[in-house]
C-alpha atoms as a PDB file:
ATOM      1  CA  UNK A   1     -37.618  28.386 -15.871  1.00  0.00           C
ATOM      2  CA  UNK A   2     -37.569  32.109 -15.327  1.00  0.00           C
ATOM      3  CA  UNK A   3     -35.343  33.268 -12.443  1.00  0.00           C
ATOM      4  CA  UNK A   4     -38.174  34.685 -10.313  1.00  0.00           C
ATOM      5  CA  UNK A   5     -40.422  31.643 -10.877  1.00  0.00           C
ATOM      6  CA  UNK A   6     -37.604  29.277  -9.916  1.00  0.00           C
ATOM      7  CA  UNK A   7     -36.897  31.338  -6.773  1.00  0.00           C
ATOM      8  CA  UNK A   8     -40.598  31.294  -5.866  1.00  0.00           C
ATOM      9  CA  UNK A   9     -40.766  27.517  -6.249  1.00  0.00           C
ATOM     10  CA  UNK A  10     -37.617  27.114  -4.133  1.00  0.00           C
ATOM     11  CA  UNK A  11     -39.096  29.376  -1.455  1.00  0.00           C
ATOM     12  CA  UNK A  12     -42.401  27.474  -1.338  1.00  0.00           C
ATOM     13  CA  UNK A  13     -40.794  24.017  -1.367  1.00  0.00           C
ATOM     14  CA  UNK A  14     -38.318  25.144   1.282  1.00  0.00           C
ATOM     15  CA  UNK A  15     -41.033  26.428   3.575  1.00  0.00           C
ATOM     16  CA  UNK A  16     -43.258  23.369   3.160  1.00  0.00           C
ATOM     17  CA  UNK A  17     -40.450  20.882   3.760  1.00  0.00           C
ATOM     18  CA  UNK A  18     -38.527  22.712   6.504  1.00  0.00           C
ATOM     19  CA  UNK A  19     -41.520  24.300   8.206  1.00  0.00           C
ATOM     20  CA  UNK A  20     -39.648  27.612   8.376  1.00  0.00           C
ATOM     21  CA  UNK A  21     -41.422  30.964   8.470  1.00  0.00           C
ATOM     22  CA  UNK A  22     -39.028  33.003   6.342  1.00  0.00           C
ATOM     23  CA  UNK A  23     -39.967  36.205   4.510  1.00  0.00           C
ATOM     24  CA  UNK A  24     -37.279  35.921   1.856  1.00  0.00           C
ATOM     25  CA  UNK A  25     -35.231  33.540  -0.231  1.00  0.00           C
ATOM     26  CA  UNK A  26     -31.589  34.198  -1.101  1.00  0.00           C
ATOM     27  CA  UNK A  27     -30.825  33.309  -4.725  1.00  0.00           C
ATOM     28  CA  UNK A  28     -27.101  32.564  -5.087  1.00  0.00           C
ATOM     29  CA  UNK A  29     -27.225  32.689  -8.907  1.00  0.00           C
ATOM     30  CA  UNK A  30     -28.589  36.247  -8.807  1.00  0.00           C
ATOM     31  CA  UNK A  31     -26.639  37.191  -5.680  1.00  0.00           C
ATOM     32  CA  UNK A  32     -29.624  38.774  -3.952  1.00  0.00           C
ATOM     33  CA  UNK A  33     -32.396  38.387  -1.409  1.00  0.00           C
ATOM     34  CA  UNK A  34     -35.874  38.085  -2.864  1.00  0.00           C
ATOM     35  CA  UNK A  35     -38.642  39.268  -0.582  1.00  0.00           C
ATOM     36  CA  UNK A  36     -41.534  36.787  -0.509  1.00  0.00           C
ATOM     37  CA  UNK A  37     -44.004  36.346   2.299  1.00  0.00           C
ATOM     38  CA  UNK A  38     -47.356  34.864   3.093  1.00  0.00           C
ATOM     39  CA  UNK A  39     -48.903  31.640   4.234  1.00  0.00           C
ATOM     40  CA  UNK A  40     -47.418  28.264   3.256  1.00  0.00           C
ATOM     41  CA  UNK A  41     -48.300  24.799   4.503  1.00  0.00           C
ATOM     42  CA  UNK A  42     -48.910  21.347   3.025  1.00  0.00           C
ATOM     43  CA  UNK A  43     -52.544  22.186   2.181  1.00  0.00           C
ATOM     44  CA  UNK A  44     -52.436  25.794   1.036  1.00  0.00           C
ATOM     45  CA  UNK A  45     -50.054  28.326  -0.504  1.00  0.00           C
ATOM     46  CA  UNK A  46     -50.715  32.064  -0.667  1.00  0.00           C
ATOM     47  CA  UNK A  47     -47.612  34.238  -0.976  1.00  0.00           C
ATOM     48  CA  UNK A  48     -46.632  37.518  -2.595  1.00  0.00           C
ATOM     49  CA  UNK A  49     -43.312  37.963  -4.383  1.00  0.00           C
ATOM     50  CA  UNK A  50     -42.399  41.615  -3.814  1.00  0.00           C
ATOM     51  CA  UNK A  51     -39.553  41.457  -6.333  1.00  0.00           C
ATOM     52  CA  UNK A  52     -41.686  40.362  -9.298  1.00  0.00           C
ATOM     53  CA  UNK A  53     -44.848  41.978  -7.861  1.00  0.00           C
ATOM     54  CA  UNK A  54     -46.885  38.796  -8.198  1.00  0.00           C
ATOM     55  CA  UNK A  55     -49.128  36.587  -6.108  1.00  0.00           C
ATOM     56  CA  UNK A  56     -48.459  32.845  -6.079  1.00  0.00           C
ATOM     57  CA  UNK A  57     -51.206  30.645  -4.726  1.00  0.00           C
ATOM     58  CA  UNK A  58     -52.725  27.189  -4.677  1.00  0.00           C
ATOM     59  CA  UNK A  59     -51.932  24.018  -2.798  1.00  0.00           C
ATOM     60  CA  UNK A  60     -48.708  22.164  -2.121  1.00  0.00           C
ATOM     61  CA  UNK A  61     -49.356  19.982  -5.191  1.00  0.00           C
ATOM     62  CA  UNK A  62     -50.153  22.748  -7.639  1.00  0.00           C
ATOM     63  CA  UNK A  63     -49.557  26.467  -7.568  1.00  0.00           C
ATOM     64  CA  UNK A  64     -50.422  29.295  -9.916  1.00  0.00           C
ATOM     65  CA  UNK A  65     -48.031  32.165 -10.593  1.00  0.00           C
ATOM     66  CA  UNK A  66     -50.338  35.100 -11.274  1.00  0.00           C
ATOM     67  CA  UNK A  67     -47.547  37.299 -12.634  1.00  0.00           C
ATOM     68  CA  UNK A  68     -46.648  34.764 -15.315  1.00  0.00           C
ATOM     69  CA  UNK A  69     -50.201  33.433 -15.647  1.00  0.00           C
ATOM     70  CA  UNK A  70     -48.884  29.905 -15.449  1.00  0.00           C
ATOM     71  CA  UNK A  71     -49.571  26.759 -13.471  1.00  0.00           C
ATOM     72  CA  UNK A  72     -46.768  24.910 -11.701  1.00  0.00           C
ATOM     73  CA  UNK A  73     -47.098  21.298 -10.611  1.00  0.00           C
ATOM     74  CA  UNK A  74     -45.253  20.596  -7.347  1.00  0.00           C
ATOM     75  CA  UNK A  75     -44.854  17.193  -5.684  1.00  0.00           C
ATOM     76  CA  UNK A  76     -43.212  16.867  -2.282  1.00  0.00           C
ATOM     77  CA  UNK A  77     -41.830  13.596  -0.936  1.00  0.00           C
ATOM     78  CA  UNK A  78     -39.891  13.813   2.299  1.00  0.00           C
ATOM     79  CA  UNK A  79     -37.076  16.317   1.758  1.00  0.00           C
ATOM     80  CA  UNK A  80     -37.301  16.083  -2.050  1.00  0.00           C
ATOM     81  CA  UNK A  81     -39.541  17.840  -4.547  1.00  0.00           C
ATOM     82  CA  UNK A  82     -40.261  17.562  -8.255  1.00  0.00           C
ATOM     83  CA  UNK A  83     -42.494  19.429 -10.620  1.00  0.00           C
ATOM     84  CA  UNK A  84     -43.298  20.980 -13.941  1.00  0.00           C
ATOM     85  CA  UNK A  85     -43.546  24.636 -14.919  1.00  0.00           C
ATOM     86  CA  UNK A  86     -46.222  24.910 -17.609  1.00  0.00           C
ATOM     87  CA  UNK A  87     -45.153  28.468 -18.432  1.00  0.00           C
ATOM     88  CA  UNK A  88     -41.777  27.388 -19.801  1.00  0.00           C
ATOM     89  CA  UNK A  89     -42.654  23.691 -20.214  1.00  0.00           C
ATOM     90  CA  UNK A  90     -39.818  22.769 -17.889  1.00  0.00           C
ATOM     91  CA  UNK A  91     -39.333  19.918 -15.412  1.00  0.00           C
ATOM     92  CA  UNK A  92     -37.483  20.611 -12.184  1.00  0.00           C
ATOM     93  CA  UNK A  93     -36.431  18.691  -9.095  1.00  0.00           C
ATOM     94  CA  UNK A  94     -34.709  19.475  -5.852  1.00  0.00           C
ATOM     95  CA  UNK A  95     -34.226  18.885  -2.176  1.00  0.00           C
ATOM     96  CA  UNK A  96     -34.225  20.791   1.067  1.00  0.00           C
ATOM     97  CA  UNK A  97     -31.731  20.399   3.890  1.00  0.00           C
ATOM     98  CA  UNK A  98     -32.400  22.718   6.824  1.00  0.00           C
ATOM     99  CA  UNK A  99     -32.732  26.195   5.313  1.00  0.00           C
ATOM    100  CA  UNK A 100     -30.801  25.276   2.125  1.00  0.00           C
ATOM    101  CA  UNK A 101     -32.632  24.479  -1.090  1.00  0.00           C
ATOM    102  CA  UNK A 102     -31.112  22.951  -4.206  1.00  0.00           C
ATOM    103  CA  UNK A 103     -33.159  23.031  -7.419  1.00  0.00           C
ATOM    104  CA  UNK A 104     -32.236  21.425 -10.747  1.00  0.00           C
ATOM    105  CA  UNK A 105     -33.745  23.154 -13.790  1.00  0.00           C
ATOM    106  CA  UNK A 106     -33.947  20.641 -16.649  1.00  0.00           C
ATOM    107  CA  UNK A 107     -34.439  23.376 -19.261  1.00  0.00           C
ATOM    108  CA  UNK A 108     -31.086  24.958 -18.412  1.00  0.00           C
ATOM    109  CA  UNK A 109     -29.398  21.758 -17.246  1.00  0.00           C
ATOM    110  CA  UNK A 110     -28.145  23.499 -14.090  1.00  0.00           C
ATOM    111  CA  UNK A 111     -28.412  23.325 -10.325  1.00  0.00           C
ATOM    112  CA  UNK A 112     -29.465  26.468  -8.435  1.00  0.00           C
ATOM    113  CA  UNK A 113     -28.945  27.091  -4.718  1.00  0.00           C
ATOM    114  CA  UNK A 114     -31.118  29.074  -2.314  1.00  0.00           C
ATOM    115  CA  UNK A 115     -31.466  29.686   1.414  1.00  0.00           C
ATOM    116  CA  UNK A 116     -34.448  30.878   3.430  1.00  0.00           C
END
């Protein structure tokens, strides 16, 4: 997955699962805050990523990254999430604990950590 797509997915999953109302996600692998804001709930997603200058929208089960012109499947079960990024043809999975998000990118074979 691309860094900004992975961060966007972590942000959305984190907000849906935790119910937080954050306007950023901190990406530990990049060492920076990424400004993302908008409306997120279990039925609808409409956010803007100010870092990549792209809208991300859809529902909690499927979102579209307008900057990358790619669909992302997202399934949430309790505090866990899984999905597939059609842009890079990559599976991912993760979990949310409080404001901490862990995401495993199968393409890179690595865990990534975020906070909101």
